[in-house]
Amino acid sequence: MLYGNVGANRPLDFTVIGPAVNEVARIEALCGTLDRDVLVSAEFAEALGEDRRLRSLGHHPLRGVPRATRDFRAGDRRLGHDLH
């Protein structure tokens, strides 16, 4: 991941680029398709350890990402109602 100011003298945009950023952006876009507020990748879910609130939504192909990702959601409903 690289970050910094991009552009000509004005306006400069602070941005991040790289494969990890691309994958996160694609997972975020998948939220709308799957009607979820938040999705996490298998790698993120694994880093959390055993969390019974996470449910697998299966594998999903992501544009520009060389492999399908296994995505997870929190709980049985949309996130805002699950983590009380």
PDB file of N, CA and C in Angstrom:
ATOM      1  N   MET A   1       0.845  -1.151   0.000  1.00  0.00           N
ATOM      2  CA  MET A   1       0.000   0.000   0.000  1.00  0.00           C
ATOM      3  C   MET A   1       0.899   1.224   0.000  1.00  0.00           C
ATOM      4  N   LEU A   2       0.575   2.168  -0.822  1.00  0.00           N
ATOM      5  CA  LEU A   2       1.271   3.457  -0.876  1.00  0.00           C
ATOM      6  C   LEU A   2       0.258   4.542  -0.558  1.00  0.00           C
ATOM      7  N   TYR A   3       0.718   5.601   0.088  1.00  0.00           N
ATOM      8  CA  TYR A   3      -0.177   6.703   0.388  1.00  0.00           C
ATOM      9  C   TYR A   3       0.559   8.013   0.213  1.00  0.00           C
ATOM     10  N   GLY A   4      -0.200   9.064  -0.009  1.00  0.00           N
ATOM     11  CA  GLY A   4       0.397  10.382  -0.148  1.00  0.00           C
ATOM     12  C   GLY A   4      -0.481  11.292  -0.978  1.00  0.00           C
ATOM     13  N   ASN A   5       0.063  12.461  -1.262  1.00  0.00           N
ATOM     14  CA  ASN A   5      -0.647  13.448  -2.067  1.00  0.00           C
ATOM     15  C   ASN A   5      -0.427  13.151  -3.539  1.00  0.00           C
ATOM     16  N   VAL A   6      -1.509  13.192  -4.311  1.00  0.00           N
ATOM     17  CA  VAL A   6      -1.457  12.894  -5.729  1.00  0.00           C
ATOM     18  C   VAL A   6      -2.088  14.064  -6.468  1.00  0.00           C
ATOM     19  N   GLY A   7      -1.463  14.461  -7.572  1.00  0.00           N
ATOM     20  CA  GLY A   7      -2.054  15.508  -8.398  1.00  0.00           C
ATOM     21  C   GLY A   7      -1.064  16.618  -8.685  1.00  0.00           C
ATOM     22  N   ALA A   8      -1.551  17.610  -9.414  1.00  0.00           N
ATOM     23  CA  ALA A   8      -0.747  18.787  -9.725  1.00  0.00           C
ATOM     24  C   ALA A   8      -0.721  19.691  -8.497  1.00  0.00           C
ATOM     25  N   ASN A   9      -0.195  20.882  -8.655  1.00  0.00           N
ATOM     26  CA  ASN A   9      -0.096  21.798  -7.516  1.00  0.00           C
ATOM     27  C   ASN A   9      -1.423  21.990  -6.800  1.00  0.00           C
ATOM     28  N   ARG A  10      -2.489  22.178  -7.567  1.00  0.00           N
ATOM     29  CA  ARG A  10      -3.819  22.338  -6.961  1.00  0.00           C
ATOM     30  C   ARG A  10      -4.838  21.679  -7.836  1.00  0.00           C
ATOM     31  N   PRO A  11      -5.768  20.956  -7.387  1.00  0.00           N
ATOM     32  CA  PRO A  11      -5.869  20.492  -6.014  1.00  0.00           C
ATOM     33  C   PRO A  11      -5.071  19.203  -5.828  1.00  0.00           C
ATOM     34  N   LEU A  12      -4.502  19.029  -4.684  1.00  0.00           N
ATOM     35  CA  LEU A  12      -3.849  17.781  -4.321  1.00  0.00           C
ATOM     36  C   LEU A  12      -4.849  16.903  -3.582  1.00  0.00           C
ATOM     37  N   ASP A  13      -4.814  15.635  -3.858  1.00  0.00           N
ATOM     38  CA  ASP A  13      -5.677  14.676  -3.166  1.00  0.00           C
ATOM     39  C   ASP A  13      -4.799  13.732  -2.371  1.00  0.00           C
ATOM     40  N   PHE A  14      -5.165  13.531  -1.109  1.00  0.00           N
ATOM     41  CA  PHE A  14      -4.499  12.514  -0.314  1.00  0.00           C
ATOM     42  C   PHE A  14      -5.174  11.196  -0.630  1.00  0.00           C
ATOM     43  N   THR A  15      -4.407  10.181  -1.016  1.00  0.00           N
ATOM     44  CA  THR A  15      -5.003   8.921  -1.433  1.00  0.00           C
ATOM     45  C   THR A  15      -4.116   7.753  -1.047  1.00  0.00           C
ATOM     46  N   VAL A  16      -4.680   6.562  -1.128  1.00  0.00           N
ATOM     47  CA  VAL A  16      -3.929   5.320  -0.940  1.00  0.00           C
ATOM     48  C   VAL A  16      -4.146   4.466  -2.174  1.00  0.00           C
ATOM     49  N   ILE A  17      -3.118   3.703  -2.564  1.00  0.00           N
ATOM     50  CA  ILE A  17      -3.212   2.827  -3.724  1.00  0.00           C
ATOM     51  C   ILE A  17      -2.507   1.517  -3.412  1.00  0.00           C
ATOM     52  N   GLY A  18      -2.872   0.491  -4.138  1.00  0.00           N
ATOM     53  CA  GLY A  18      -2.225  -0.803  -4.002  1.00  0.00           C
ATOM     54  C   GLY A  18      -3.231  -1.937  -4.021  1.00  0.00           C
ATOM     55  N   PRO A  19      -2.756  -3.175  -4.142  1.00  0.00           N
ATOM     56  CA  PRO A  19      -3.641  -4.336  -4.216  1.00  0.00           C
ATOM     57  C   PRO A  19      -4.575  -4.472  -3.001  1.00  0.00           C
ATOM     58  N   ALA A  20      -4.082  -4.221  -1.807  1.00  0.00           N
ATOM     59  CA  ALA A  20      -4.925  -4.347  -0.604  1.00  0.00           C
ATOM     60  C   ALA A  20      -6.053  -3.323  -0.632  1.00  0.00           C
ATOM     61  N   VAL A  21      -5.752  -2.116  -1.062  1.00  0.00           N
ATOM     62  CA  VAL A  21      -6.762  -1.063  -1.143  1.00  0.00           C
ATOM     63  C   VAL A  21      -7.810  -1.431  -2.182  1.00  0.00           C
ATOM     64  N   ASN A  22      -7.380  -1.978  -3.309  1.00  0.00           N
ATOM     65  CA  ASN A  22      -8.301  -2.401  -4.353  1.00  0.00           C
ATOM     66  C   ASN A  22      -9.248  -3.477  -3.821  1.00  0.00           C
ATOM     67  N   GLU A  23      -8.708  -4.458  -3.111  1.00  0.00           N
ATOM     68  CA  GLU A  23      -9.548  -5.535  -2.585  1.00  0.00           C
ATOM     69  C   GLU A  23     -10.566  -5.000  -1.578  1.00  0.00           C
ATOM     70  N   VAL A  24     -10.140  -4.124  -0.699  1.00  0.00           N
ATOM     71  CA  VAL A  24     -11.061  -3.547   0.288  1.00  0.00           C
ATOM     72  C   VAL A  24     -12.163  -2.752  -0.407  1.00  0.00           C
ATOM     73  N   ALA A  25     -11.813  -1.989  -1.425  1.00  0.00           N
ATOM     74  CA  ALA A  25     -12.818  -1.211  -2.160  1.00  0.00           C
ATOM     75  C   ALA A  25     -13.834  -2.135  -2.831  1.00  0.00           C
ATOM     76  N   ARG A  26     -13.374  -3.257  -3.373  1.00  0.00           N
ATOM     77  CA  ARG A  26     -14.284  -4.207  -4.018  1.00  0.00           C
ATOM     78  C   ARG A  26     -15.182  -4.889  -2.995  1.00  0.00           C
ATOM     79  N   ILE A  27     -14.647  -5.233  -1.822  1.00  0.00           N
ATOM     80  CA  ILE A  27     -15.471  -5.830  -0.762  1.00  0.00           C
ATOM     81  C   ILE A  27     -16.521  -4.825  -0.295  1.00  0.00           C
ATOM     82  N   GLU A  28     -16.128  -3.569  -0.170  1.00  0.00           N
ATOM     83  CA  GLU A  28     -17.078  -2.530   0.239  1.00  0.00           C
ATOM     84  C   GLU A  28     -18.203  -2.407  -0.788  1.00  0.00           C
ATOM     85  N   ALA A  29     -17.877  -2.483  -2.067  1.00  0.00           N
ATOM     86  CA  ALA A  29     -18.891  -2.398  -3.112  1.00  0.00           C
ATOM     87  C   ALA A  29     -19.835  -3.601  -3.061  1.00  0.00           C
ATOM     88  N   LEU A  30     -19.329  -4.738  -2.616  1.00  0.00           N
ATOM     89  CA  LEU A  30     -20.147  -5.946  -2.492  1.00  0.00           C
ATOM     90  C   LEU A  30     -21.213  -5.803  -1.407  1.00  0.00           C
ATOM     91  N   CYS A  31     -21.011  -4.889  -0.468  1.00  0.00           N
ATOM     92  CA  CYS A  31     -22.010  -4.656   0.593  1.00  0.00           C
ATOM     93  C   CYS A  31     -23.382  -4.370  -0.002  1.00  0.00           C
ATOM     94  N   GLY A  32     -23.449  -3.538  -1.009  1.00  0.00           N
ATOM     95  CA  GLY A  32     -24.730  -3.197  -1.627  1.00  0.00           C
ATOM     96  C   GLY A  32     -25.364  -4.397  -2.307  1.00  0.00           C
ATOM     97  N   THR A  33     -24.561  -5.167  -3.017  1.00  0.00           N
ATOM     98  CA  THR A  33     -25.057  -6.351  -3.705  1.00  0.00           C
ATOM     99  C   THR A  33     -25.639  -7.363  -2.729  1.00  0.00           C
ATOM    100  N   LEU A  34     -24.976  -7.521  -1.579  1.00  0.00           N
ATOM    101  CA  LEU A  34     -25.407  -8.513  -0.590  1.00  0.00           C
ATOM    102  C   LEU A  34     -26.300  -7.912   0.493  1.00  0.00           C
ATOM    103  N   ASP A  35     -26.649  -6.636   0.356  1.00  0.00           N
ATOM    104  CA  ASP A  35     -27.521  -5.941   1.311  1.00  0.00           C
ATOM    105  C   ASP A  35     -26.980  -6.024   2.737  1.00  0.00           C
ATOM    106  N   ARG A  36     -25.733  -5.645   2.901  1.00  0.00           N
ATOM    107  CA  ARG A  36     -25.061  -5.643   4.201  1.00  0.00           C
ATOM    108  C   ARG A  36     -24.397  -4.303   4.435  1.00  0.00           C
ATOM    109  N   ASP A  37     -24.371  -3.871   5.693  1.00  0.00           N
ATOM    110  CA  ASP A  37     -23.667  -2.631   6.044  1.00  0.00           C
ATOM    111  C   ASP A  37     -22.168  -2.844   6.093  1.00  0.00           C
ATOM    112  N   VAL A  38     -21.740  -4.017   6.548  1.00  0.00           N
ATOM    113  CA  VAL A  38     -20.313  -4.305   6.722  1.00  0.00           C
ATOM    114  C   VAL A  38     -20.032  -5.737   6.300  1.00  0.00           C
ATOM    115  N   LEU A  39     -18.961  -5.923   5.542  1.00  0.00           N
ATOM    116  CA  LEU A  39     -18.438  -7.245   5.226  1.00  0.00           C
ATOM    117  C   LEU A  39     -16.971  -7.259   5.622  1.00  0.00           C
ATOM    118  N   VAL A  40     -16.477  -8.418   5.992  1.00  0.00           N
ATOM    119  CA  VAL A  40     -15.043  -8.547   6.275  1.00  0.00           C
ATOM    120  C   VAL A  40     -14.512  -9.722   5.476  1.00  0.00           C
ATOM    121  N   SER A  41     -13.233  -9.649   5.134  1.00  0.00           N
ATOM    122  CA  SER A  41     -12.583 -10.721   4.383  1.00  0.00           C
ATOM    123  C   SER A  41     -12.273 -11.892   5.302  1.00  0.00           C
ATOM    124  N   ALA A  42     -11.956 -13.026   4.693  1.00  0.00           N
ATOM    125  CA  ALA A  42     -11.573 -14.213   5.464  1.00  0.00           C
ATOM    126  C   ALA A  42     -10.315 -13.933   6.286  1.00  0.00           C
ATOM    127  N   GLU A  43      -9.393 -13.166   5.726  1.00  0.00           N
ATOM    128  CA  GLU A  43      -8.160 -12.842   6.448  1.00  0.00           C
ATOM    129  C   GLU A  43      -8.455 -12.023   7.697  1.00  0.00           C
ATOM    130  N   PHE A  44      -9.365 -11.070   7.590  1.00  0.00           N
ATOM    131  CA  PHE A  44      -9.749 -10.257   8.742  1.00  0.00           C
ATOM    132  C   PHE A  44     -10.463 -11.118   9.780  1.00  0.00           C
ATOM    133  N   ALA A  45     -11.383 -11.969   9.318  1.00  0.00           N
ATOM    134  CA  ALA A  45     -12.112 -12.858  10.226  1.00  0.00           C
ATOM    135  C   ALA A  45     -11.147 -13.789  10.954  1.00  0.00           C
ATOM    136  N   GLU A  46     -10.154 -14.296  10.249  1.00  0.00           N
ATOM    137  CA  GLU A  46      -9.155 -15.174  10.860  1.00  0.00           C
ATOM    138  C   GLU A  46      -8.349 -14.434  11.920  1.00  0.00           C
ATOM    139  N   ALA A  47      -8.012 -13.183  11.653  1.00  0.00           N
ATOM    140  CA  ALA A  47      -7.253 -12.386  12.627  1.00  0.00           C
ATOM    141  C   ALA A  47      -8.058 -12.143  13.902  1.00  0.00           C
ATOM    142  N   LEU A  48      -9.386 -12.089  13.787  1.00  0.00           N
ATOM    143  CA  LEU A  48     -10.237 -11.913  14.962  1.00  0.00           C
ATOM    144  C   LEU A  48     -10.271 -13.160  15.836  1.00  0.00           C
ATOM    145  N   GLY A  49      -9.977 -14.297  15.240  1.00  0.00           N
ATOM    146  CA  GLY A  49     -10.097 -15.552  15.973  1.00  0.00           C
ATOM    147  C   GLY A  49     -11.526 -16.048  15.902  1.00  0.00           C
ATOM    148  N   GLU A  50     -11.877 -16.968  16.755  1.00  0.00           N
ATOM    149  CA  GLU A  50     -13.227 -17.527  16.729  1.00  0.00           C
ATOM    150  C   GLU A  50     -14.223 -16.505  17.252  1.00  0.00           C
ATOM    151  N   ASP A  51     -15.051 -16.024  16.377  1.00  0.00           N
ATOM    152  CA  ASP A  51     -16.084 -15.053  16.734  1.00  0.00           C
ATOM    153  C   ASP A  51     -17.402 -15.599  16.210  1.00  0.00           C
ATOM    154  N   ARG A  52     -18.251 -16.046  17.090  1.00  0.00           N
ATOM    155  CA  ARG A  52     -19.499 -16.687  16.683  1.00  0.00           C
ATOM    156  C   ARG A  52     -20.467 -15.720  16.012  1.00  0.00           C
ATOM    157  N   ARG A  53     -20.199 -14.420  16.074  1.00  0.00           N
ATOM    158  CA  ARG A  53     -21.078 -13.462  15.415  1.00  0.00           C
ATOM    159  C   ARG A  53     -20.826 -13.386  13.916  1.00  0.00           C
ATOM    160  N   LEU A  54     -19.689 -13.911  13.432  1.00  0.00           N
ATOM    161  CA  LEU A  54     -19.377 -13.852  12.010  1.00  0.00           C
ATOM    162  C   LEU A  54     -19.968 -15.051  11.290  1.00  0.00           C
ATOM    163  N   ARG A  55     -20.596 -14.794  10.159  1.00  0.00           N
ATOM    164  CA  ARG A  55     -21.196 -15.845   9.338  1.00  0.00           C
ATOM    165  C   ARG A  55     -20.648 -15.724   7.921  1.00  0.00           C
ATOM    166  N   SER A  56     -20.234 -16.847   7.362  1.00  0.00           N
ATOM    167  CA  SER A  56     -19.703 -16.843   6.004  1.00  0.00           C
ATOM    168  C   SER A  56     -20.820 -16.576   5.004  1.00  0.00           C
ATOM    169  N   LEU A  57     -20.511 -15.783   4.007  1.00  0.00           N
ATOM    170  CA  LEU A  57     -21.430 -15.547   2.896  1.00  0.00           C
ATOM    171  C   LEU A  57     -20.919 -16.222   1.633  1.00  0.00           C
ATOM    172  N   GLY A  58     -19.921 -17.069   1.769  1.00  0.00           N
ATOM    173  CA  GLY A  58     -19.386 -17.789   0.618  1.00  0.00           C
ATOM    174  C   GLY A  58     -18.280 -17.025  -0.087  1.00  0.00           C
ATOM    175  N   HIS A  59     -17.909 -17.565  -1.249  1.00  0.00           N
ATOM    176  CA  HIS A  59     -16.836 -16.974  -2.052  1.00  0.00           C
ATOM    177  C   HIS A  59     -17.436 -16.067  -3.117  1.00  0.00           C
ATOM    178  N   HIS A  60     -16.788 -14.925  -3.333  1.00  0.00           N
ATOM    179  CA  HIS A  60     -17.270 -13.961  -4.314  1.00  0.00           C
ATOM    180  C   HIS A  60     -16.116 -13.482  -5.184  1.00  0.00           C
ATOM    181  N   PRO A  61     -16.303 -13.494  -6.505  1.00  0.00           N
ATOM    182  CA  PRO A  61     -15.283 -12.929  -7.378  1.00  0.00           C
ATOM    183  C   PRO A  61     -15.309 -11.407  -7.263  1.00  0.00           C
ATOM    184  N   LEU A  62     -14.136 -10.815  -7.257  1.00  0.00           N
ATOM    185  CA  LEU A  62     -14.024  -9.357  -7.184  1.00  0.00           C
ATOM    186  C   LEU A  62     -13.238  -8.861  -8.388  1.00  0.00           C
ATOM    187  N   ARG A  63     -13.777  -7.882  -9.084  1.00  0.00           N
ATOM    188  CA  ARG A  63     -13.124  -7.329 -10.274  1.00  0.00           C
ATOM    189  C   ARG A  63     -11.740  -6.797  -9.906  1.00  0.00           C
ATOM    190  N   GLY A  64     -10.742  -7.212 -10.668  1.00  0.00           N
ATOM    191  CA  GLY A  64      -9.386  -6.735 -10.455  1.00  0.00           C
ATOM    192  C   GLY A  64      -8.631  -7.457  -9.347  1.00  0.00           C
ATOM    193  N   VAL A  65      -9.259  -8.448  -8.721  1.00  0.00           N
ATOM    194  CA  VAL A  65      -8.617  -9.239  -7.671  1.00  0.00           C
ATOM    195  C   VAL A  65      -8.452 -10.646  -8.233  1.00  0.00           C
ATOM    196  N   PRO A  66      -7.220 -11.204  -8.226  1.00  0.00           N
ATOM    197  CA  PRO A  66      -6.966 -12.455  -8.940  1.00  0.00           C
ATOM    198  C   PRO A  66      -7.654 -13.703  -8.390  1.00  0.00           C
ATOM    199  N   ARG A  67      -8.189 -13.644  -7.189  1.00  0.00           N
ATOM    200  CA  ARG A  67      -8.846 -14.818  -6.614  1.00  0.00           C
ATOM    201  C   ARG A  67     -10.168 -14.401  -5.997  1.00  0.00           C
ATOM    202  N   ALA A  68     -11.105 -15.325  -5.948  1.00  0.00           N
ATOM    203  CA  ALA A  68     -12.374 -15.052  -5.273  1.00  0.00           C
ATOM    204  C   ALA A  68     -12.108 -14.931  -3.783  1.00  0.00           C
ATOM    205  N   THR A  69     -12.825 -14.063  -3.119  1.00  0.00           N
ATOM    206  CA  THR A  69     -12.648 -13.905  -1.681  1.00  0.00           C
ATOM    207  C   THR A  69     -13.784 -14.585  -0.942  1.00  0.00           C
ATOM    208  N   ARG A  70     -13.485 -15.054   0.251  1.00  0.00           N
ATOM    209  CA  ARG A  70     -14.529 -15.568   1.130  1.00  0.00           C
ATOM    210  C   ARG A  70     -14.875 -14.430   2.064  1.00  0.00           C
ATOM    211  N   ASP A  71     -16.126 -14.014   2.035  1.00  0.00           N
ATOM    212  CA  ASP A  71     -16.544 -12.841   2.790  1.00  0.00           C
ATOM    213  C   ASP A  71     -17.461 -13.252   3.938  1.00  0.00           C
ATOM    214  N   PHE A  72     -17.405 -12.453   5.006  1.00  0.00           N
ATOM    215  CA  PHE A  72     -18.180 -12.727   6.199  1.00  0.00           C
ATOM    216  C   PHE A  72     -19.022 -11.526   6.564  1.00  0.00           C
ATOM    217  N   ARG A  73     -20.128 -11.786   7.223  1.00  0.00           N
ATOM    218  CA  ARG A  73     -20.975 -10.738   7.765  1.00  0.00           C
ATOM    219  C   ARG A  73     -21.088 -10.977   9.261  1.00  0.00           C
ATOM    220  N   ALA A  74     -21.561  -9.991   9.971  1.00  0.00           N
ATOM    221  CA  ALA A  74     -21.731 -10.111  11.423  1.00  0.00           C
ATOM    222  C   ALA A  74     -23.158 -10.512  11.729  1.00  0.00           C
ATOM    223  N   GLY A  75     -23.339 -11.573  12.494  1.00  0.00           N
ATOM    224  CA  GLY A  75     -24.644 -11.970  13.020  1.00  0.00           C
ATOM    225  C   GLY A  75     -25.631 -12.442  11.989  1.00  0.00           C
ATOM    226  N   ASP A  76     -26.893 -12.521  12.388  1.00  0.00           N
ATOM    227  CA  ASP A  76     -27.956 -13.039  11.533  1.00  0.00           C
ATOM    228  C   ASP A  76     -28.714 -11.949  10.798  1.00  0.00           C
ATOM    229  N   ARG A  77     -28.520 -10.698  11.166  1.00  0.00           N
ATOM    230  CA  ARG A  77     -29.189  -9.570  10.522  1.00  0.00           C
ATOM    231  C   ARG A  77     -28.137  -8.544  10.128  1.00  0.00           C
ATOM    232  N   ARG A  78     -28.577  -7.420   9.694  1.00  0.00           N
ATOM    233  CA  ARG A  78     -27.642  -6.343   9.356  1.00  0.00           C
ATOM    234  C   ARG A  78     -26.873  -5.936  10.605  1.00  0.00           C
ATOM    235  N   LEU A  79     -25.660  -5.488  10.441  1.00  0.00           N
ATOM    236  CA  LEU A  79     -24.718  -5.270  11.545  1.00  0.00           C
ATOM    237  C   LEU A  79     -25.274  -4.444  12.691  1.00  0.00           C
ATOM    238  N   GLY A  80     -25.936  -3.358  12.425  1.00  0.00           N
ATOM    239  CA  GLY A  80     -26.397  -2.471  13.490  1.00  0.00           C
ATOM    240  C   GLY A  80     -27.296  -3.141  14.502  1.00  0.00           C
ATOM    241  N   HIS A  81     -27.889  -4.269  14.149  1.00  0.00           N
ATOM    242  CA  HIS A  81     -28.811  -4.955  15.054  1.00  0.00           C
ATOM    243  C   HIS A  81     -28.189  -6.147  15.741  1.00  0.00           C
ATOM    244  N   ASP A  82     -26.922  -6.472  15.428  1.00  0.00           N
ATOM    245  CA  ASP A  82     -26.347  -7.704  15.898  1.00  0.00           C
ATOM    246  C   ASP A  82     -25.391  -7.589  17.061  1.00  0.00           C
ATOM    247  N   LEU A  83     -24.735  -6.481  17.210  1.00  0.00           N
ATOM    248  CA  LEU A  83     -23.597  -6.416  18.113  1.00  0.00           C
ATOM    249  C   LEU A  83     -23.928  -5.759  19.441  1.00  0.00           C
ATOM    250  N   HIS A  84     -25.077  -6.038  19.992  1.00  0.00           N
ATOM    251  CA  HIS A  84     -25.470  -5.468  21.283  1.00  0.00           C
ATOM    252  C   HIS A  84     -25.029  -6.356  22.410  1.00  0.00           C
TER     253      HIS A  84
END
